[in-house]
Amino acid sequence: MYVIAIAWLYVTILMAATETTVVAGILTLVFYGLAPLALFLWLFGTPQRHRNKAKLPDAE
């Protein structure tokens, strides 16, 4: 899963670097790179979070 994340960031950083202005580059990085990647990692990390939560002992 992390290989996909690294590859996606690599592609979006290169896309942002080719934009004509700094603002366009930052917006490209945020809206094409970081936001979808955060959503992807959150969705695909949900099963692991559930397993971790089930493994924790009760604090009571």
PDB file of N, CA and C in Angstrom:
ATOM      1  N   MET A   1       0.824  -1.185   0.000  1.00  0.00           N
ATOM      2  CA  MET A   1       0.000   0.000   0.000  1.00  0.00           C
ATOM      3  C   MET A   1       0.877   1.262   0.000  1.00  0.00           C
ATOM      4  N   TYR A   2       1.983   1.205   0.730  1.00  0.00           N
ATOM      5  CA  TYR A   2       2.832   2.393   0.788  1.00  0.00           C
ATOM      6  C   TYR A   2       3.573   2.641  -0.524  1.00  0.00           C
ATOM      7  N   VAL A   3       3.796   1.602  -1.306  1.00  0.00           N
ATOM      8  CA  VAL A   3       4.424   1.781  -2.616  1.00  0.00           C
ATOM      9  C   VAL A   3       3.508   2.602  -3.512  1.00  0.00           C
ATOM     10  N   ILE A   4       2.223   2.339  -3.440  1.00  0.00           N
ATOM     11  CA  ILE A   4       1.254   3.116  -4.214  1.00  0.00           C
ATOM     12  C   ILE A   4       1.259   4.566  -3.763  1.00  0.00           C
ATOM     13  N   ALA A   5       1.308   4.792  -2.460  1.00  0.00           N
ATOM     14  CA  ALA A   5       1.314   6.154  -1.923  1.00  0.00           C
ATOM     15  C   ALA A   5       2.562   6.920  -2.363  1.00  0.00           C
ATOM     16  N   ILE A   6       3.709   6.264  -2.305  1.00  0.00           N
ATOM     17  CA  ILE A   6       4.960   6.917  -2.709  1.00  0.00           C
ATOM     18  C   ILE A   6       4.943   7.233  -4.198  1.00  0.00           C
ATOM     19  N   ALA A   7       4.460   6.296  -5.003  1.00  0.00           N
ATOM     20  CA  ALA A   7       4.385   6.527  -6.448  1.00  0.00           C
ATOM     21  C   ALA A   7       3.426   7.662  -6.771  1.00  0.00           C
ATOM     22  N   TRP A   8       2.292   7.695  -6.091  1.00  0.00           N
ATOM     23  CA  TRP A   8       1.313   8.766  -6.333  1.00  0.00           C
ATOM     24  C   TRP A   8       1.907  10.127  -5.963  1.00  0.00           C
ATOM     25  N   LEU A   9       2.599  10.201  -4.840  1.00  0.00           N
ATOM     26  CA  LEU A   9       3.231  11.468  -4.455  1.00  0.00           C
ATOM     27  C   LEU A   9       4.309  11.877  -5.457  1.00  0.00           C
ATOM     28  N   TYR A  10       5.063  10.922  -5.942  1.00  0.00           N
ATOM     29  CA  TYR A  10       6.095  11.212  -6.932  1.00  0.00           C
ATOM     30  C   TYR A  10       5.484  11.833  -8.184  1.00  0.00           C
ATOM     31  N   VAL A  11       4.421  11.231  -8.671  1.00  0.00           N
ATOM     32  CA  VAL A  11       3.769  11.738  -9.877  1.00  0.00           C
ATOM     33  C   VAL A  11       3.189  13.127  -9.639  1.00  0.00           C
ATOM     34  N   THR A  12       2.527  13.332  -8.515  1.00  0.00           N
ATOM     35  CA  THR A  12       1.913  14.642  -8.275  1.00  0.00           C
ATOM     36  C   THR A  12       2.954  15.722  -7.998  1.00  0.00           C
ATOM     37  N   ILE A  13       4.074  15.366  -7.398  1.00  0.00           N
ATOM     38  CA  ILE A  13       5.140  16.359  -7.200  1.00  0.00           C
ATOM     39  C   ILE A  13       5.704  16.785  -8.554  1.00  0.00           C
ATOM     40  N   LEU A  14       5.879  15.816  -9.455  1.00  0.00           N
ATOM     41  CA  LEU A  14       6.352  16.167 -10.792  1.00  0.00           C
ATOM     42  C   LEU A  14       5.317  17.010 -11.540  1.00  0.00           C
ATOM     43  N   MET A  15       4.038  16.693 -11.366  1.00  0.00           N
ATOM     44  CA  MET A  15       2.986  17.508 -11.992  1.00  0.00           C
ATOM     45  C   MET A  15       3.022  18.934 -11.439  1.00  0.00           C
ATOM     46  N   ALA A  16       3.180  19.055 -10.123  1.00  0.00           N
ATOM     47  CA  ALA A  16       3.201  20.375  -9.500  1.00  0.00           C
ATOM     48  C   ALA A  16       4.427  21.171  -9.935  1.00  0.00           C
ATOM     49  N   ALA A  17       5.527  20.489 -10.153  1.00  0.00           N
ATOM     50  CA  ALA A  17       6.754  21.178 -10.560  1.00  0.00           C
ATOM     51  C   ALA A  17       6.648  21.756 -11.969  1.00  0.00           C
ATOM     52  N   THR A  18       5.784  21.203 -12.791  1.00  0.00           N
ATOM     53  CA  THR A  18       5.665  21.693 -14.166  1.00  0.00           C
ATOM     54  C   THR A  18       4.600  22.772 -14.324  1.00  0.00           C
ATOM     55  N   GLU A  19       3.921  23.138 -13.252  1.00  0.00           N
ATOM     56  CA  GLU A  19       2.919  24.202 -13.345  1.00  0.00           C
ATOM     57  C   GLU A  19       3.604  25.543 -13.591  1.00  0.00           C
ATOM     58  N   THR A  20       2.840  26.480 -14.157  1.00  0.00           N
ATOM     59  CA  THR A  20       3.437  27.758 -14.548  1.00  0.00           C
ATOM     60  C   THR A  20       3.640  28.711 -13.380  1.00  0.00           C
ATOM     61  N   THR A  21       2.801  28.628 -12.354  1.00  0.00           N
ATOM     62  CA  THR A  21       2.963  29.504 -11.193  1.00  0.00           C
ATOM     63  C   THR A  21       3.097  28.661  -9.926  1.00  0.00           C
ATOM     64  N   VAL A  22       3.612  29.293  -8.889  1.00  0.00           N
ATOM     65  CA  VAL A  22       3.785  28.608  -7.609  1.00  0.00           C
ATOM     66  C   VAL A  22       2.429  28.246  -7.013  1.00  0.00           C
ATOM     67  N   VAL A  23       1.474  29.149  -7.123  1.00  0.00           N
ATOM     68  CA  VAL A  23       0.145  28.891  -6.575  1.00  0.00           C
ATOM     69  C   VAL A  23      -0.506  27.687  -7.265  1.00  0.00           C
ATOM     70  N   ALA A  24      -0.384  27.625  -8.576  1.00  0.00           N
ATOM     71  CA  ALA A  24      -0.935  26.485  -9.315  1.00  0.00           C
ATOM     72  C   ALA A  24      -0.231  25.195  -8.905  1.00  0.00           C
ATOM     73  N   GLY A  25       1.057  25.251  -8.678  1.00  0.00           N
ATOM     74  CA  GLY A  25       1.800  24.074  -8.241  1.00  0.00           C
ATOM     75  C   GLY A  25       1.364  23.589  -6.867  1.00  0.00           C
ATOM     76  N   ILE A  26       1.165  24.519  -5.950  1.00  0.00           N
ATOM     77  CA  ILE A  26       0.714  24.155  -4.599  1.00  0.00           C
ATOM     78  C   ILE A  26      -0.691  23.576  -4.642  1.00  0.00           C
ATOM     79  N   LEU A  27      -1.571  24.201  -5.408  1.00  0.00           N
ATOM     80  CA  LEU A  27      -2.936  23.694  -5.519  1.00  0.00           C
ATOM     81  C   LEU A  27      -2.968  22.324  -6.189  1.00  0.00           C
ATOM     82  N   THR A  28      -2.129  22.127  -7.189  1.00  0.00           N
ATOM     83  CA  THR A  28      -2.046  20.815  -7.834  1.00  0.00           C
ATOM     84  C   THR A  28      -1.586  19.769  -6.835  1.00  0.00           C
ATOM     85  N   LEU A  29      -0.568  20.090  -6.070  1.00  0.00           N
ATOM     86  CA  LEU A  29      -0.058  19.144  -5.083  1.00  0.00           C
ATOM     87  C   LEU A  29      -1.112  18.812  -4.034  1.00  0.00           C
ATOM     88  N   VAL A  30      -1.835  19.809  -3.561  1.00  0.00           N
ATOM     89  CA  VAL A  30      -2.826  19.577  -2.516  1.00  0.00           C
ATOM     90  C   VAL A  30      -4.032  18.818  -3.044  1.00  0.00           C
ATOM     91  N   PHE A  31      -4.610  19.285  -4.172  1.00  0.00           N
ATOM     92  CA  PHE A  31      -5.869  18.723  -4.631  1.00  0.00           C
ATOM     93  C   PHE A  31      -5.728  17.467  -5.490  1.00  0.00           C
ATOM     94  N   TYR A  32      -4.589  17.276  -6.133  1.00  0.00           N
ATOM     95  CA  TYR A  32      -4.364  16.044  -6.901  1.00  0.00           C
ATOM     96  C   TYR A  32      -3.515  15.049  -6.134  1.00  0.00           C
ATOM     97  N   GLY A  33      -2.767  15.518  -5.152  1.00  0.00           N
ATOM     98  CA  GLY A  33      -1.842  14.637  -4.461  1.00  0.00           C
ATOM     99  C   GLY A  33      -2.213  14.332  -3.027  1.00  0.00           C
ATOM    100  N   LEU A  34      -2.188  15.328  -2.180  1.00  0.00           N
ATOM    101  CA  LEU A  34      -2.329  15.082  -0.752  1.00  0.00           C
ATOM    102  C   LEU A  34      -3.746  14.714  -0.328  1.00  0.00           C
ATOM    103  N   ALA A  35      -4.745  15.408  -0.835  1.00  0.00           N
ATOM    104  CA  ALA A  35      -6.129  15.121  -0.432  1.00  0.00           C
ATOM    105  C   ALA A  35      -6.578  13.729  -0.877  1.00  0.00           C
ATOM    106  N   PRO A  36      -6.409  13.347  -2.153  1.00  0.00           N
ATOM    107  CA  PRO A  36      -6.801  11.986  -2.525  1.00  0.00           C
ATOM    108  C   PRO A  36      -5.964  10.907  -1.829  1.00  0.00           C
ATOM    109  N   LEU A  37      -4.697  11.191  -1.594  1.00  0.00           N
ATOM    110  CA  LEU A  37      -3.843  10.225  -0.923  1.00  0.00           C
ATOM    111  C   LEU A  37      -4.274  10.029   0.530  1.00  0.00           C
ATOM    112  N   ALA A  38      -4.623  11.114   1.202  1.00  0.00           N
ATOM    113  CA  ALA A  38      -5.111  11.000   2.581  1.00  0.00           C
ATOM    114  C   ALA A  38      -6.396  10.177   2.627  1.00  0.00           C
ATOM    115  N   LEU A  39      -7.295  10.417   1.694  1.00  0.00           N
ATOM    116  CA  LEU A  39      -8.533   9.642   1.632  1.00  0.00           C
ATOM    117  C   LEU A  39      -8.234   8.172   1.354  1.00  0.00           C
ATOM    118  N   PHE A  40      -7.340   7.886   0.422  1.00  0.00           N
ATOM    119  CA  PHE A  40      -6.963   6.516   0.090  1.00  0.00           C
ATOM    120  C   PHE A  40      -6.383   5.795   1.310  1.00  0.00           C
ATOM    121  N   LEU A  41      -5.435   6.434   1.987  1.00  0.00           N
ATOM    122  CA  LEU A  41      -4.808   5.796   3.140  1.00  0.00           C
ATOM    123  C   LEU A  41      -5.802   5.604   4.281  1.00  0.00           C
ATOM    124  N   TRP A  42      -6.722   6.540   4.461  1.00  0.00           N
ATOM    125  CA  TRP A  42      -7.725   6.415   5.509  1.00  0.00           C
ATOM    126  C   TRP A  42      -8.680   5.260   5.206  1.00  0.00           C
ATOM    127  N   LEU A  43      -9.141   5.169   3.958  1.00  0.00           N
ATOM    128  CA  LEU A  43     -10.078   4.105   3.596  1.00  0.00           C
ATOM    129  C   LEU A  43      -9.430   2.724   3.661  1.00  0.00           C
ATOM    130  N   PHE A  44      -8.233   2.601   3.128  1.00  0.00           N
ATOM    131  CA  PHE A  44      -7.586   1.304   3.099  1.00  0.00           C
ATOM    132  C   PHE A  44      -6.919   0.950   4.426  1.00  0.00           C
ATOM    133  N   GLY A  45      -6.802   1.899   5.326  1.00  0.00           N
ATOM    134  CA  GLY A  45      -6.275   1.619   6.654  1.00  0.00           C
ATOM    135  C   GLY A  45      -7.341   1.268   7.666  1.00  0.00           C
ATOM    136  N   THR A  46      -8.614   1.391   7.289  1.00  0.00           N
ATOM    137  CA  THR A  46      -9.710   1.123   8.217  1.00  0.00           C
ATOM    138  C   THR A  46      -9.697  -0.303   8.760  1.00  0.00           C
ATOM    139  N   PRO A  47      -9.529  -1.341   7.942  1.00  0.00           N
ATOM    140  CA  PRO A  47      -9.496  -2.695   8.503  1.00  0.00           C
ATOM    141  C   PRO A  47      -8.388  -2.884   9.544  1.00  0.00           C
ATOM    142  N   GLN A  48      -7.232  -2.307   9.305  1.00  0.00           N
ATOM    143  CA  GLN A  48      -6.138  -2.434  10.265  1.00  0.00           C
ATOM    144  C   GLN A  48      -6.465  -1.697  11.556  1.00  0.00           C
ATOM    145  N   ARG A  49      -7.101  -0.542  11.468  1.00  0.00           N
ATOM    146  CA  ARG A  49      -7.496   0.187  12.678  1.00  0.00           C
ATOM    147  C   ARG A  49      -8.496  -0.625  13.487  1.00  0.00           C
ATOM    148  N   HIS A  50      -9.419  -1.305  12.804  1.00  0.00           N
ATOM    149  CA  HIS A  50     -10.395  -2.140  13.507  1.00  0.00           C
ATOM    150  C   HIS A  50      -9.706  -3.327  14.195  1.00  0.00           C
ATOM    151  N   ARG A  51      -8.735  -3.927  13.530  1.00  0.00           N
ATOM    152  CA  ARG A  51      -8.009  -5.037  14.143  1.00  0.00           C
ATOM    153  C   ARG A  51      -7.211  -4.555  15.352  1.00  0.00           C
ATOM    154  N   ASN A  52      -6.583  -3.385  15.245  1.00  0.00           N
ATOM    155  CA  ASN A  52      -5.817  -2.844  16.364  1.00  0.00           C
ATOM    156  C   ASN A  52      -6.725  -2.518  17.543  1.00  0.00           C
ATOM    157  N   LYS A  53      -7.894  -1.991  17.257  1.00  0.00           N
ATOM    158  CA  LYS A  53      -8.837  -1.641  18.316  1.00  0.00           C
ATOM    159  C   LYS A  53      -9.353  -2.896  19.013  1.00  0.00           C
ATOM    160  N   ALA A  54      -9.594  -3.962  18.266  1.00  0.00           N
ATOM    161  CA  ALA A  54     -10.085  -5.200  18.850  1.00  0.00           C
ATOM    162  C   ALA A  54      -9.002  -5.887  19.688  1.00  0.00           C
ATOM    163  N   LYS A  55      -7.748  -5.656  19.369  1.00  0.00           N
ATOM    164  CA  LYS A  55      -6.652  -6.314  20.077  1.00  0.00           C
ATOM    165  C   LYS A  55      -6.339  -5.649  21.412  1.00  0.00           C
ATOM    166  N   LEU A  56      -6.698  -4.390  21.598  1.00  0.00           N
ATOM    167  CA  LEU A  56      -6.375  -3.676  22.830  1.00  0.00           C
ATOM    168  C   LEU A  56      -7.157  -4.249  24.007  1.00  0.00           C
ATOM    169  N   PRO A  57      -6.515  -4.416  25.167  1.00  0.00           N
ATOM    170  CA  PRO A  57      -7.239  -4.889  26.354  1.00  0.00           C
ATOM    171  C   PRO A  57      -8.078  -3.750  26.940  1.00  0.00           C
ATOM    172  N   ASP A  58      -9.134  -4.108  27.626  1.00  0.00           N
ATOM    173  CA  ASP A  58      -9.971  -3.085  28.267  1.00  0.00           C
ATOM    174  C   ASP A  58      -9.211  -2.399  29.383  1.00  0.00           C
ATOM    175  N   ALA A  59      -9.447  -1.102  29.528  1.00  0.00           N
ATOM    176  CA  ALA A  59      -8.739  -0.316  30.547  1.00  0.00           C
ATOM    177  C   ALA A  59      -9.450  -0.392  31.898  1.00  0.00           C
ATOM    178  N   GLU A  60     -10.588  -1.010  31.958  1.00  0.00           N
ATOM    179  CA  GLU A  60     -11.352  -1.051  33.218  1.00  0.00           C
ATOM    180  C   GLU A  60     -10.860  -2.095  34.158  1.00  0.00           C
TER     181      GLU A  60
END
